[in-house]
């Protein structure tokens, strides 16, 4: 099946020196196993990591990068194909601050001496920033960010959508792509992952979307860090992707103005080395069924195009839905209330002021596609636990309870299970019948229903109690003190439930909850309270890095150092990036929605105020 595409090539750019400015070209002959000629043929090895011999490909962490050397983007680059030379021009920023070094320096490809002269010039242009062991190196092929992704594509419509949401123009060159396309429509490029497209006379296979890091915070016009692009992406759109990574499957010439066409399925999405799991990638999922559970709740079954490429969803995980309305982008998390092979069910409660719930209730119909990502979430049922289990939910929070009950029923768990659900009245009991049926299948299951606004007659008919749960009056044969509890519902409900369980002797570490939010107010942050430098040690990776006020958050620093860390919202809202704090102290430049314990840290919005050790 082919997709109709109405897109064209607006711009072709190569980057002769990795991490430095680009050079526009009118056309390029691209071949399998390669990309645009002379793209990233040179790079500045930082001297701190081992460098492969013979110009073999090396990981990004091997080189000086914009995340730590933003001034490199100000170096002028001009490649002459006929003479096979690259001229580096001293940047204005370095010229104004140091006044040292030549105005420009020319590198002749395959000439070691000219590379050494260029390295010396860079040290003069950036005094104290370029390590003494750093060296300008030449690739046998190219130093692409990923070994297999030789060409990158940027959808200019998506960049325009980001600009509109951020309230400022975002230069597409921040994303350092090779082929810039127009006419696709914002974010529709994600539907091409795993597919083949023709671009001019060449054919490409799209491998994966491109996640974005702190390098995109550097302005191409000033070579200074300004707009926090990753935070703008996550807070506005709910994901951190912009652009596609591709490989060439059929050689051909690509020119500005060329059209783009879909050629059919490729070999499927490919994760790539050290890239985020495909579950995090945004992708279009088709609505295959819709059920009205009640006047307030509608369930949608979505067919996941990536079924089978990743791990099976865990009970308690959620999908993220990404959309837009007349007010701009909007995204929201919905717990998976059902899984049937590659079909995933979300159950959506209409909220009076809910932009996303209104969209899904009013316009989501069978056959349409929704942009989704996930499953996300680390608050999931522990398959190895054997002690008593409490599942406490309120309102639409029953969706998490359903997923966990279904897992318990499938394995016929011998655990004592207490289902405790709260709703307003009998009109608000969407999905309760499923939960009640599942608890009945468990050998040691018991259900307690609480209705806060129902009449006595309604409560008697449904066997419900009045008001909210009083955990002092609830129990299990084995007692609650050894129980593990999962909470899902409004923040106030979870706060009260946690306090009630604590009163019964349930330790805080045994109570699990996840707060779903859809932050959209932007990425405002305060300045770090201390400028540094501080040493940050990643004990699990054996990596140590120096943080200063230009390094961003601890998450930014980890990614710059090549340390993989779990993350999602990048705004202190989802708790996905929470890590133990082995040693040291931190401060938050963005206030977390739910502050972690004192011995933990949210990497995405924290900075060190001294030397820090993390377990990553």
Protein backbone atom coordinates (compact mmCIF):
# COMPACT_ATOMS: atom_id res chain seq x y z
CA UNK A 1 0.00 0.00 0.00
CA UNK A 2 1.39 3.40 -0.96
CA UNK A 3 0.74 6.76 0.66
CA UNK A 4 0.02 9.83 -1.39
CA UNK A 5 2.81 12.36 -0.85
CA UNK A 6 2.88 15.90 -2.18
CA UNK A 7 6.33 17.07 -1.17
CA UNK A 8 9.41 18.57 -2.75
CA UNK A 9 13.05 19.18 -1.93
CA UNK A 10 13.55 22.77 -0.80
CA UNK A 11 17.18 22.60 0.26
CA UNK A 12 20.22 20.32 0.22
CA UNK A 13 22.93 20.83 2.83
CA UNK A 14 26.17 19.05 3.60
CA UNK A 15 28.38 19.54 6.65
CA UNK A 16 32.01 19.00 5.59
CA UNK A 17 33.18 19.25 9.21
CA UNK A 18 31.01 17.47 11.73
CA UNK A 19 29.63 19.87 14.35
CA UNK A 20 30.34 22.98 12.29
CA UNK A 21 28.27 25.05 9.85
CA UNK A 22 26.75 23.61 6.70
CA UNK A 23 27.11 24.32 3.00
CA UNK A 24 24.19 24.46 0.56
CA UNK A 25 24.45 22.45 -2.66
CA UNK A 26 22.16 22.52 -5.68
CA UNK A 27 22.38 18.79 -6.39
CA UNK A 28 24.07 15.67 -5.10
CA UNK A 29 24.73 12.18 -6.44
CA UNK A 30 24.03 9.75 -3.61
CA UNK A 31 24.79 6.03 -3.55
CA UNK A 32 24.10 3.03 -1.29
CA UNK A 33 26.45 2.96 1.67
CA UNK A 34 27.04 6.68 1.40
CA UNK A 35 25.26 10.02 1.60
CA UNK A 36 25.76 13.48 0.16
CA UNK A 37 29.39 13.63 -1.04
CA UNK A 38 31.78 15.18 1.50
CA UNK A 39 29.15 15.28 4.23
CA UNK A 40 30.90 15.02 7.61
CA UNK A 41 34.13 13.94 5.97
CA UNK A 42 36.07 15.76 8.71
CA UNK A 43 35.53 15.95 12.46
CA UNK A 44 37.33 17.25 15.53
CA UNK A 45 38.18 14.22 17.69
CA UNK A 46 38.07 15.39 21.31
CA UNK A 47 41.11 13.36 22.35
CA UNK A 48 39.29 11.98 25.37
CA UNK A 49 37.93 8.84 23.69
CA UNK A 50 39.59 6.15 21.66
CA UNK A 51 39.62 6.96 17.95
CA UNK A 52 39.42 4.07 15.42
CA UNK A 53 42.28 3.87 12.97
CA UNK A 54 42.02 4.31 9.21
CA UNK A 55 39.13 6.78 9.28
CA UNK A 56 36.62 4.17 10.41
CA UNK A 57 33.26 5.35 11.70
CA UNK A 58 33.16 6.43 15.35
CA UNK A 59 30.31 7.28 17.70
CA UNK A 60 29.32 10.89 18.25
CA UNK A 61 30.77 10.86 21.77
CA UNK A 62 34.23 10.59 20.22
CA UNK A 63 34.12 14.14 18.85
CA UNK A 64 33.86 17.72 20.04
CA UNK A 65 30.13 18.47 19.90
CA UNK A 66 27.84 21.46 20.01
CA UNK A 67 26.48 20.32 23.36
CA UNK A 68 29.78 21.31 24.93
CA UNK A 69 31.45 23.48 22.24
CA UNK A 70 28.66 25.67 20.85
CA UNK A 71 31.14 28.13 19.35
CA UNK A 72 32.15 25.56 16.71
CA UNK A 73 28.94 26.36 14.87
CA UNK A 74 30.32 29.84 14.16
CA UNK A 75 33.27 28.50 12.17
CA UNK A 76 32.74 29.26 8.49
CA UNK A 77 33.07 26.25 6.20
CA UNK A 78 33.66 26.26 2.43
CA UNK A 79 34.44 23.05 0.54
CA UNK A 80 35.77 23.14 -3.01
CA UNK A 81 35.19 19.81 -4.74
CA UNK A 82 37.61 20.49 -7.60
CA UNK A 83 40.60 21.14 -5.33
CA UNK A 84 39.28 18.86 -2.58
CA UNK A 85 39.94 21.51 0.03
CA UNK A 86 37.95 22.73 3.01
CA UNK A 87 38.50 26.28 4.24
CA UNK A 88 37.69 27.06 7.88
CA UNK A 89 37.09 30.72 8.70
CA UNK A 90 37.58 32.17 12.17
CA UNK A 91 34.19 32.79 13.80
CA UNK A 92 33.16 36.31 14.84
CA UNK A 93 32.62 35.20 18.44
CA UNK A 94 36.17 33.87 18.75
CA UNK A 95 37.53 36.89 16.87
CA UNK A 96 35.88 39.26 19.35
CA UNK A 97 37.00 37.41 22.46
CA UNK A 98 40.50 36.23 21.63
CA UNK A 99 41.70 38.03 18.55
CA UNK A 100 44.20 35.19 18.09
CA UNK A 101 44.96 32.85 15.25
CA UNK A 102 44.72 33.12 11.47
CA UNK A 103 41.63 34.54 9.78
CA UNK A 104 41.20 31.24 7.96
CA UNK A 105 42.94 27.93 7.41
CA UNK A 106 42.62 25.45 4.53
CA UNK A 107 42.58 21.69 4.84
CA UNK A 108 43.49 19.58 1.84
CA UNK A 109 41.75 16.24 2.06
CA UNK A 110 44.06 13.28 2.65
CA UNK A 111 46.77 15.67 3.89
CA UNK A 112 47.74 15.18 7.54
CA UNK A 113 49.85 18.34 7.79
CA UNK A 114 47.03 20.66 6.77
CA UNK A 115 44.71 18.99 9.29
CA UNK A 116 47.30 19.60 12.01
CA UNK A 117 47.48 23.29 11.05
CA UNK A 118 43.69 23.51 11.22
CA UNK A 119 43.67 21.87 14.65
CA UNK A 120 46.20 24.43 15.89
CA UNK A 121 44.07 27.25 14.51
CA UNK A 122 40.99 25.92 16.30
CA UNK A 123 42.90 25.92 19.59
CA UNK A 124 43.82 29.55 19.01
CA UNK A 125 40.24 30.48 18.09
CA UNK A 126 38.87 28.76 21.17
CA UNK A 127 41.57 29.15 23.84
CA UNK A 128 41.17 26.75 26.76
CA UNK A 129 38.23 24.93 25.13
CA UNK A 130 39.95 22.50 22.75
CA UNK A 131 41.87 19.74 24.54
CA UNK A 132 45.58 19.47 23.81
CA UNK A 133 45.04 15.92 22.53
CA UNK A 134 42.20 16.90 20.17
CA UNK A 135 42.79 16.49 16.45
CA UNK A 136 40.98 17.15 13.20
CA UNK A 137 40.49 13.73 11.61
CA UNK A 138 39.28 12.53 8.21
CA UNK A 139 36.79 9.73 7.65
CA UNK A 140 37.24 6.93 5.17
CA UNK A 141 33.55 7.50 4.29
CA UNK A 142 31.83 9.87 6.73
CA UNK A 143 31.33 10.45 10.45
CA UNK A 144 27.53 10.32 10.43
CA UNK A 145 25.79 10.38 13.80
CA UNK A 146 24.70 6.78 13.18
CA UNK A 147 26.62 4.21 11.21
CA UNK A 148 23.72 3.08 9.01
CA UNK A 149 21.78 6.33 8.65
CA UNK A 150 23.74 8.08 5.92
CA UNK A 151 21.12 10.70 5.00
CA UNK A 152 18.88 12.81 7.22
CA UNK A 153 15.63 14.47 6.17
CA UNK A 154 13.89 17.41 7.82
CA UNK A 155 10.18 18.19 7.33
CA UNK A 156 9.98 21.98 7.13
CA UNK A 157 6.24 21.83 7.89
CA UNK A 158 7.05 20.27 11.26
CA UNK A 159 9.65 22.97 11.94
CA UNK A 160 7.01 25.59 11.09
CA UNK A 161 4.61 23.95 13.56
CA UNK A 162 7.31 24.06 16.23
CA UNK A 163 7.98 27.74 15.49
CA UNK A 164 4.28 28.59 15.79
CA UNK A 165 3.94 26.72 19.08
CA UNK A 166 7.13 28.20 20.56
CA UNK A 167 6.18 31.73 19.50
CA UNK A 168 9.51 32.31 17.75
CA UNK A 169 11.14 31.35 14.49
CA UNK A 170 13.11 28.12 14.78
CA UNK A 171 15.89 27.91 12.20
CA UNK A 172 15.64 24.53 10.40
CA UNK A 173 19.45 24.38 10.32
CA UNK A 174 19.38 23.67 14.07
CA UNK A 175 18.45 20.11 13.07
CA UNK A 176 21.48 19.72 10.77
CA UNK A 177 19.65 17.73 8.10
CA UNK A 178 20.78 16.96 4.57
CA UNK A 179 17.47 17.07 2.68
CA UNK A 180 14.86 19.66 3.68
CA UNK A 181 11.33 18.88 2.46
CA UNK A 182 8.16 20.96 2.19
CA UNK A 183 4.56 19.96 1.53
CA UNK A 184 4.40 16.87 3.74
CA UNK A 185 2.27 18.40 6.48
CA UNK A 186 3.43 18.72 10.08
CA UNK A 187 4.65 15.49 11.68
CA UNK A 188 3.32 13.25 8.88
CA UNK A 189 6.91 12.18 8.20
CA UNK A 190 6.61 9.66 11.02
CA UNK A 191 4.29 7.57 8.82
CA UNK A 192 7.26 6.95 6.50
CA UNK A 193 9.39 5.09 9.05
CA UNK A 194 10.10 1.61 7.68
CA UNK A 195 9.01 2.70 4.19
CA UNK A 196 10.79 3.49 0.93
CA UNK A 197 10.56 6.82 -0.84
CA UNK A 198 11.99 8.24 -4.05
CA UNK A 199 13.66 11.64 -3.85
CA UNK A 200 14.51 12.84 -7.31
CA UNK A 201 16.40 10.01 -9.00
CA UNK A 202 17.38 8.22 -5.79
CA UNK A 203 15.48 5.85 -3.55
CA UNK A 204 15.77 5.92 0.25
CA UNK A 205 14.63 3.64 3.04
CA UNK A 206 13.51 5.46 6.17
CA UNK A 207 15.04 3.77 9.21
CA UNK A 208 13.86 5.77 12.20
CA UNK A 209 12.86 9.21 13.46
CA UNK A 210 15.60 11.40 14.90
CA UNK A 211 15.50 12.20 18.61
CA UNK A 212 16.79 15.63 19.49
CA UNK A 213 19.35 16.66 22.09
CA UNK A 214 20.82 19.86 23.46
CA UNK A 215 22.81 20.51 20.27
CA UNK A 216 19.62 21.94 18.75
CA UNK A 217 19.66 24.65 21.43
CA UNK A 218 22.57 26.33 19.63
CA UNK A 219 21.51 29.10 17.26
CA UNK A 220 23.08 28.77 13.80
CA UNK A 221 23.16 32.56 13.49
CA UNK A 222 24.89 33.36 16.82
CA UNK A 223 26.49 29.99 17.77
CA UNK A 224 25.11 30.56 21.26
CA UNK A 225 22.72 28.47 23.34
CA UNK A 226 19.27 30.06 23.40
CA UNK A 227 15.98 28.26 22.67
CA UNK A 228 15.61 24.94 24.51
CA UNK A 229 14.39 22.98 21.49
CA UNK A 230 14.12 19.55 23.21
CA UNK A 231 12.01 21.09 25.98
CA UNK A 232 9.84 22.95 23.45
CA UNK A 233 9.25 19.70 21.57
CA UNK A 234 8.34 17.71 24.65
CA UNK A 235 6.19 20.31 26.39
CA UNK A 236 4.37 21.42 23.24
CA UNK A 237 4.13 18.18 21.27
CA UNK A 238 4.80 15.40 23.77
CA UNK A 239 7.77 13.90 21.92
CA UNK A 240 11.39 14.75 21.22
CA UNK A 241 11.62 13.88 17.53
CA UNK A 242 12.19 16.03 14.46
CA UNK A 243 13.52 14.54 11.25
CA UNK A 244 14.17 11.11 9.76
CA UNK A 245 17.26 8.96 9.39
CA UNK A 246 17.52 7.09 6.07
CA UNK A 247 19.83 4.95 4.00
CA UNK A 248 20.26 4.98 0.22
CA UNK A 249 18.97 1.85 -1.53
CA UNK A 250 19.10 3.05 -5.15
CA UNK A 251 21.67 5.50 -6.44
CA UNK A 252 20.59 8.69 -8.13
CA UNK A 253 20.84 12.44 -8.28
CA UNK A 254 18.86 14.64 -5.90
CA UNK A 255 18.24 18.29 -6.76
CA UNK A 256 16.44 21.16 -5.11
CA UNK A 257 12.91 21.25 -6.47
CA UNK A 258 12.73 17.46 -6.91
CA UNK A 259 9.51 15.72 -5.96
CA UNK A 260 9.13 13.00 -3.35
CA UNK A 261 7.03 9.83 -3.78
CA UNK A 262 6.20 6.82 -1.61
CA UNK A 263 7.48 3.57 -3.12
CA UNK A 264 6.10 1.03 -0.67
CA UNK A 265 7.23 -0.90 2.35
CA UNK A 266 10.86 -1.28 3.26
CA UNK A 267 12.38 -3.82 5.60
CA UNK A 268 10.66 -2.20 8.59
CA UNK A 269 11.73 0.20 11.35
CA UNK A 270 15.25 -0.29 12.67
CA UNK A 271 16.22 0.87 16.13
CA UNK A 272 19.88 1.54 15.54
CA UNK A 273 22.67 1.52 18.07
CA UNK A 274 21.94 3.26 21.39
CA UNK A 275 18.81 4.95 20.06
CA UNK A 276 15.57 5.20 22.03
CA UNK A 277 13.37 2.14 21.91
CA UNK A 278 10.92 2.11 18.97
CA UNK A 279 8.07 2.25 21.48
CA UNK A 280 8.97 5.89 22.08
CA UNK A 281 8.75 6.79 18.39
CA UNK A 282 5.66 8.74 17.29
CA UNK A 283 3.73 6.81 14.63
CA UNK A 284 0.25 6.78 13.09
CA UNK A 285 -2.11 4.11 14.50
CA UNK A 286 -5.39 3.39 12.76
CA UNK A 287 -8.65 3.32 14.74
CA UNK A 288 -10.17 -0.12 14.12
CA UNK A 289 -13.05 -0.03 16.62
CA UNK A 290 -14.90 2.44 18.83
CA UNK A 291 -17.17 1.66 21.80
CA UNK A 292 -19.24 4.04 23.89
CA UNK A 293 -18.71 2.73 27.42
CA UNK A 294 -20.94 5.41 28.96
CA UNK A 295 -22.04 8.97 28.29
CA UNK A 296 -18.64 10.15 29.52
CA UNK A 297 -16.24 7.39 28.42
CA UNK A 298 -15.40 6.19 24.91
CA UNK A 299 -12.96 3.38 24.13
CA UNK A 300 -10.86 3.34 20.97
CA UNK A 301 -9.03 0.30 19.64
CA UNK A 302 -5.87 1.30 17.77
CA UNK A 303 -3.84 -0.91 15.45
CA UNK A 304 -0.16 -0.41 16.21
CA UNK A 305 1.99 -0.43 13.04
CA UNK A 306 5.01 -1.39 15.13
CA UNK A 307 3.43 -4.48 16.67
CA UNK A 308 6.11 -7.13 17.02
CA UNK A 309 9.09 -4.75 16.79
CA UNK A 310 9.35 -4.15 20.53
CA UNK A 311 8.42 -5.63 23.86
CA UNK A 312 4.80 -6.44 24.65
CA UNK A 313 3.03 -3.69 26.63
CA UNK A 314 3.23 -4.19 30.37
CA UNK A 315 0.16 -3.91 32.62
CA UNK A 316 -0.02 -0.31 33.76
CA UNK A 317 1.73 1.30 30.80
CA UNK A 318 0.15 4.03 28.73
CA UNK A 319 0.00 5.45 25.23
CA UNK A 320 0.61 9.07 24.44
CA UNK A 321 -1.71 10.64 21.86
CA UNK A 322 -0.39 13.61 19.86
CA UNK A 323 -2.75 15.91 18.00
CA UNK A 324 -3.62 19.53 17.25
CA UNK A 325 -6.73 21.69 17.27
CA UNK A 326 -7.51 25.30 16.55
CA UNK A 327 -5.54 26.34 19.63
CA UNK A 328 -2.36 24.52 18.59
CA UNK A 329 -0.70 21.23 19.53
CA UNK A 330 -2.07 19.07 22.33
CA UNK A 331 -1.05 15.71 23.76
CA UNK A 332 -2.27 13.46 26.53
CA UNK A 333 -1.47 10.10 28.15
CA UNK A 334 -4.00 7.27 28.33
CA UNK A 335 -3.46 3.99 30.16
CA UNK A 336 -3.86 0.91 28.00
CA UNK A 337 -7.15 -0.57 29.19
CA UNK A 338 -6.89 -3.53 26.83
CA UNK A 339 -4.41 -5.30 24.55
CA UNK A 340 -5.30 -7.80 21.83
CA UNK A 341 -2.23 -8.71 19.79
CA UNK A 342 -1.30 -5.59 17.87
CA UNK A 343 -4.51 -3.78 18.82
CA UNK A 344 -4.36 -1.44 21.79
CA UNK A 345 -7.34 0.02 23.64
CA UNK A 346 -7.52 3.39 25.32
CA UNK A 347 -10.58 4.56 27.24
CA UNK A 348 -11.13 8.31 27.22
CA UNK A 349 -13.25 10.23 29.68
CA UNK A 350 -14.63 13.48 28.33
CA UNK A 351 -13.51 16.43 30.44
CA UNK A 352 -15.39 19.71 30.38
CA UNK A 353 -12.25 21.66 29.49
CA UNK A 354 -10.31 18.78 27.92
CA UNK A 355 -9.04 19.65 24.46
CA UNK A 356 -7.78 16.14 23.73
CA UNK A 357 -10.76 14.30 25.18
CA UNK A 358 -13.06 16.55 23.15
CA UNK A 359 -11.15 15.78 19.97
CA UNK A 360 -11.23 12.04 20.56
CA UNK A 361 -14.91 11.98 21.48
CA UNK A 362 -16.02 14.23 18.64
CA UNK A 363 -13.85 13.44 15.62
CA UNK A 364 -12.02 10.13 16.20
CA UNK A 365 -13.82 7.60 14.00
CA UNK A 366 -13.01 4.13 12.71
CA UNK A 367 -10.59 4.29 9.80
CA UNK A 368 -8.90 7.51 10.90
CA UNK A 369 -5.32 7.61 12.19
CA UNK A 370 -3.99 9.03 15.44
CA UNK A 371 -0.36 9.90 16.10
CA UNK A 372 0.71 7.82 19.09
CA UNK A 373 3.84 6.90 20.99
CA UNK A 374 4.44 4.30 23.64
CA UNK A 375 3.74 2.24 25.54
CA UNK A 376 5.41 4.44 28.13
CA UNK A 377 5.58 4.20 31.89
CA UNK A 378 7.55 2.31 34.51
CA UNK A 379 4.78 1.95 37.10
CA UNK A 380 3.87 -1.60 36.09
CA UNK A 381 2.80 -4.74 37.87
CA UNK A 382 5.73 -6.71 39.26
CA UNK A 383 5.36 -10.22 37.75
CA UNK A 384 7.54 -11.78 40.43
CA UNK A 385 5.69 -10.41 43.47
CA UNK A 386 3.74 -12.88 45.64
CA UNK A 387 2.45 -10.76 48.52
CA UNK A 388 -0.97 -9.13 48.91
CA UNK A 389 -1.95 -6.66 46.20
CA UNK A 390 -4.11 -3.54 46.52
CA UNK A 391 -5.46 -1.91 43.35
CA UNK A 392 -7.03 1.42 44.29
CA UNK A 393 -8.49 3.64 41.59
CA UNK A 394 -10.93 6.49 41.14
CA UNK A 395 -12.88 7.53 38.04
CA UNK A 396 -11.15 6.74 34.78
CA UNK A 397 -8.16 5.52 36.82
CA UNK A 398 -9.86 2.14 36.59
CA UNK A 399 -8.05 1.66 33.28
CA UNK A 400 -4.79 0.86 35.08
CA UNK A 401 -6.66 -1.45 37.43
CA UNK A 402 -8.15 -3.31 34.46
CA UNK A 403 -4.76 -3.93 32.89
CA UNK A 404 -3.32 -5.30 36.11
CA UNK A 405 -6.36 -7.41 36.90
CA UNK A 406 -6.25 -8.90 33.42
CA UNK A 407 -2.61 -9.89 33.98
CA UNK A 408 -3.48 -11.45 37.36
CA UNK A 409 -6.36 -13.40 35.82
CA UNK A 410 -4.23 -14.62 32.90
CA UNK A 411 -1.68 -16.17 35.24
CA UNK A 412 -4.26 -17.16 37.87
CA UNK A 413 -2.22 -15.52 40.57
CA UNK A 414 -2.37 -16.93 44.07
CA UNK A 415 -1.94 -13.43 45.54
CA UNK A 416 -4.59 -11.89 47.72
CA UNK A 417 -5.99 -9.04 45.62
CA UNK A 418 -8.13 -6.17 46.90
CA UNK A 419 -9.85 -4.11 44.21
CA UNK A 420 -10.93 -0.77 45.62
CA UNK A 421 -12.66 1.61 43.19
CA UNK A 422 -14.31 4.99 43.73
CA UNK A 423 -16.81 6.74 41.44
CA UNK A 424 -19.41 9.50 41.74
CA UNK A 425 -22.52 7.43 41.00
CA UNK A 426 -23.76 4.51 38.93
CA UNK A 427 -23.65 6.63 35.76
CA UNK A 428 -19.91 6.95 36.25
CA UNK A 429 -19.09 3.27 36.39
CA UNK A 430 -17.68 2.77 32.90
CA UNK A 431 -15.59 -0.43 32.73
CA UNK A 432 -16.52 -1.47 36.29
CA UNK A 433 -18.27 -4.54 34.93
CA UNK A 434 -15.01 -5.71 33.33
CA UNK A 435 -13.06 -5.17 36.55
CA UNK A 436 -15.70 -6.95 38.63
CA UNK A 437 -15.74 -9.90 36.24
CA UNK A 438 -11.93 -10.17 36.36
CA UNK A 439 -11.71 -10.01 40.15
CA UNK A 440 -14.24 -12.84 40.22
CA UNK A 441 -11.83 -15.04 38.31
CA UNK A 442 -9.15 -14.78 40.98
CA UNK A 443 -9.05 -17.40 43.73
CA UNK A 444 -8.26 -14.78 46.38
CA UNK A 445 -9.79 -11.62 44.93
CA UNK A 446 -12.19 -9.19 46.61
CA UNK A 447 -13.85 -6.03 45.31
CA UNK A 448 -14.94 -2.91 47.18
CA UNK A 449 -16.90 -0.20 45.37
CA UNK A 450 -17.38 3.32 46.77
CA UNK A 451 -19.90 5.82 45.39
CA UNK A 452 -19.60 9.40 46.59
CA UNK A 453 -22.90 10.86 45.27
CA UNK A 454 -25.21 7.86 44.78
CA UNK A 455 -28.50 7.35 46.61
CA UNK A 456 -28.93 4.64 49.20
CA UNK A 457 -30.96 2.60 46.70
CA UNK A 458 -28.22 2.80 44.08
CA UNK A 459 -25.56 1.76 46.54
CA UNK A 460 -27.61 -1.20 47.70
CA UNK A 461 -28.23 -2.38 44.14
CA UNK A 462 -24.53 -2.25 43.34
CA UNK A 463 -23.26 -3.47 46.72
CA UNK A 464 -21.36 -0.20 47.15
CA UNK A 465 -20.31 1.81 50.18
CA UNK A 466 -20.89 5.52 50.62
CA UNK A 467 -18.14 8.13 50.35
CA UNK A 468 -14.48 7.50 49.81
CA UNK A 469 -12.36 4.51 50.89
CA UNK A 470 -11.38 4.34 54.54
CA UNK A 471 -8.34 2.10 54.57
CA UNK A 472 -8.62 1.79 58.33
CA UNK A 473 -11.75 -0.29 57.71
CA UNK A 474 -10.40 -2.33 54.79
CA UNK A 475 -8.35 -5.44 55.15
CA UNK A 476 -7.13 -8.64 53.57
CA UNK A 477 -6.82 -12.03 55.26
CA UNK A 478 -3.05 -11.62 55.33
CA UNK A 479 -3.25 -7.99 56.45
CA UNK A 480 -2.37 -4.84 54.57
CA UNK A 481 1.03 -4.25 56.15
CA UNK A 482 2.81 -6.56 53.68
CA UNK A 483 0.80 -5.41 50.68
CA UNK A 484 1.97 -3.77 47.49
CA UNK A 485 -0.36 -1.05 46.25
CA UNK A 486 -0.97 0.62 42.88
CA UNK A 487 -2.90 3.87 42.77
CA UNK A 488 -4.47 5.61 39.79
CA UNK A 489 -6.81 8.58 39.81
CA UNK A 490 -6.87 12.28 40.62
CA UNK A 491 -3.86 13.61 42.54
CA UNK A 492 -5.95 14.31 45.67
CA UNK A 493 -7.33 10.75 45.66
CA UNK A 494 -3.84 9.25 45.40
CA UNK A 495 -2.54 11.50 48.16
CA UNK A 496 -5.34 10.42 50.51
CA UNK A 497 -4.97 6.75 49.56
CA UNK A 498 -1.23 6.84 50.16
CA UNK A 499 -1.78 8.40 53.59
CA UNK A 500 -4.44 5.82 54.44
CA UNK A 501 -2.21 2.93 53.43
CA UNK A 502 0.67 4.39 55.44
CA UNK A 503 -1.66 4.40 58.45
CA UNK A 504 -2.11 0.66 57.98
CA UNK A 505 1.63 0.04 57.94
CA UNK A 506 2.18 -0.11 54.17
CA UNK A 507 5.66 1.36 53.54
CA UNK A 508 5.86 4.24 51.11
CA UNK A 509 8.23 2.24 48.89
CA UNK A 510 5.45 -0.33 48.35
CA UNK A 511 2.94 2.26 47.05
CA UNK A 512 3.20 3.01 43.32
CA UNK A 513 1.55 5.74 41.32
CA UNK A 514 2.02 7.59 38.08
CA UNK A 515 0.76 11.08 37.39
CA UNK A 516 -0.35 11.81 33.85
CA UNK A 517 0.06 15.38 32.71
CA UNK A 518 0.11 17.23 29.43
CA UNK A 519 2.34 20.24 30.02
CA UNK A 520 1.94 22.82 27.33
CA UNK A 521 2.86 26.09 28.93
CA UNK A 522 6.37 26.17 27.50
CA UNK A 523 9.84 25.46 28.70
CA UNK A 524 10.62 28.31 31.05
CA UNK A 525 13.50 27.68 33.42
CA UNK A 526 15.50 29.59 35.99
CA UNK A 527 19.26 30.00 35.92
CA UNK A 528 21.43 27.43 37.75
CA UNK A 529 22.17 28.66 41.29
CA UNK A 530 25.86 27.74 40.97
CA UNK A 531 27.99 28.13 37.82
CA UNK A 532 30.27 25.16 38.43
CA UNK A 533 32.40 23.52 37.24
CA UNK A 534 31.35 20.33 39.06
CA UNK A 535 32.30 16.74 38.44
CA UNK A 536 29.39 14.39 37.64
CA UNK A 537 30.24 10.69 37.88
CA UNK A 538 28.05 8.09 36.15
CA UNK A 539 29.03 5.10 38.24
CA UNK A 540 27.30 2.40 36.20
CA UNK A 541 28.90 3.52 32.93
CA UNK A 542 32.31 4.36 34.31
CA UNK A 543 31.99 7.80 32.73
CA UNK A 544 32.82 11.12 34.34
CA UNK A 545 31.89 14.54 32.92
CA UNK A 546 32.35 18.15 33.93
CA UNK A 547 29.20 20.25 34.30
CA UNK A 548 29.08 24.02 34.05
CA UNK A 549 26.27 26.52 33.57
CA UNK A 550 26.28 25.97 29.81
CA UNK A 551 25.86 22.18 30.09
CA UNK A 552 22.11 22.21 30.64
CA UNK A 553 20.46 19.70 32.95
CA UNK A 554 21.91 16.47 34.28
CA UNK A 555 19.96 14.71 31.54
CA UNK A 556 21.59 16.93 28.90
CA UNK A 557 25.00 16.20 30.39
CA UNK A 558 24.37 12.45 30.46
CA UNK A 559 23.36 12.42 26.81
CA UNK A 560 26.34 14.58 25.86
CA UNK A 561 28.61 12.08 27.61
CA UNK A 562 27.03 9.15 25.78
CA UNK A 563 25.21 7.84 28.85
CA UNK A 564 21.71 6.60 28.08
CA UNK A 565 19.05 7.72 30.58
CA UNK A 566 15.33 7.05 30.59
CA UNK A 567 13.31 10.21 29.93
CA UNK A 568 10.04 11.43 28.47
CA UNK A 569 8.58 14.87 29.24
CA UNK A 570 11.83 16.78 29.96
CA UNK A 571 9.83 19.22 32.05
CA UNK A 572 9.71 17.65 35.52
CA UNK A 573 6.23 16.25 35.08
CA UNK A 574 6.30 12.53 34.28
CA UNK A 575 8.95 11.20 36.74
CA UNK A 576 10.36 8.91 34.03
CA UNK A 577 13.89 10.24 34.49
CA UNK A 578 13.99 9.79 38.27
CA UNK A 579 17.27 8.28 39.43
CA UNK A 580 18.83 7.61 42.85
CA UNK A 581 21.25 10.33 43.95
CA UNK A 582 24.27 8.38 45.13
CA UNK A 583 26.19 11.42 46.34
CA UNK A 584 26.04 15.20 46.14
CA UNK A 585 23.29 17.79 45.98
CA UNK A 586 21.18 19.23 43.16
CA UNK A 587 18.84 22.14 42.48
CA UNK A 588 15.90 22.36 40.11
CA UNK A 589 15.81 24.96 37.36
CA UNK A 590 12.25 23.85 36.53
CA UNK A 591 10.06 23.03 39.53
CA UNK A 592 8.96 19.36 39.38
CA UNK A 593 5.23 18.73 39.49
CA UNK A 594 5.81 16.05 42.13
CA UNK A 595 9.21 16.48 43.86
CA UNK A 596 11.10 13.19 44.26
CA UNK A 597 12.48 11.97 47.60
CA UNK A 598 15.64 13.67 48.89
CA UNK A 599 17.76 10.70 47.86
CA UNK A 600 16.51 10.83 44.24
CA UNK A 601 16.75 13.32 41.40
CA UNK A 602 14.77 14.17 38.27
CA UNK A 603 17.54 14.42 35.69
CA UNK A 604 15.54 16.44 33.16
CA UNK A 605 15.19 19.57 35.30
CA UNK A 606 18.03 19.29 37.84
CA UNK A 607 21.52 20.77 37.91
CA UNK A 608 24.33 20.00 40.36
CA UNK A 609 25.38 22.43 43.08
CA UNK A 610 28.52 20.41 43.78
CA UNK A 611 30.12 17.17 42.67
CA UNK A 612 27.46 14.50 42.06
CA UNK A 613 27.44 10.73 41.61
CA UNK A 614 24.63 8.93 39.76
CA UNK A 615 24.14 5.18 39.27
CA UNK A 616 23.75 5.34 35.47
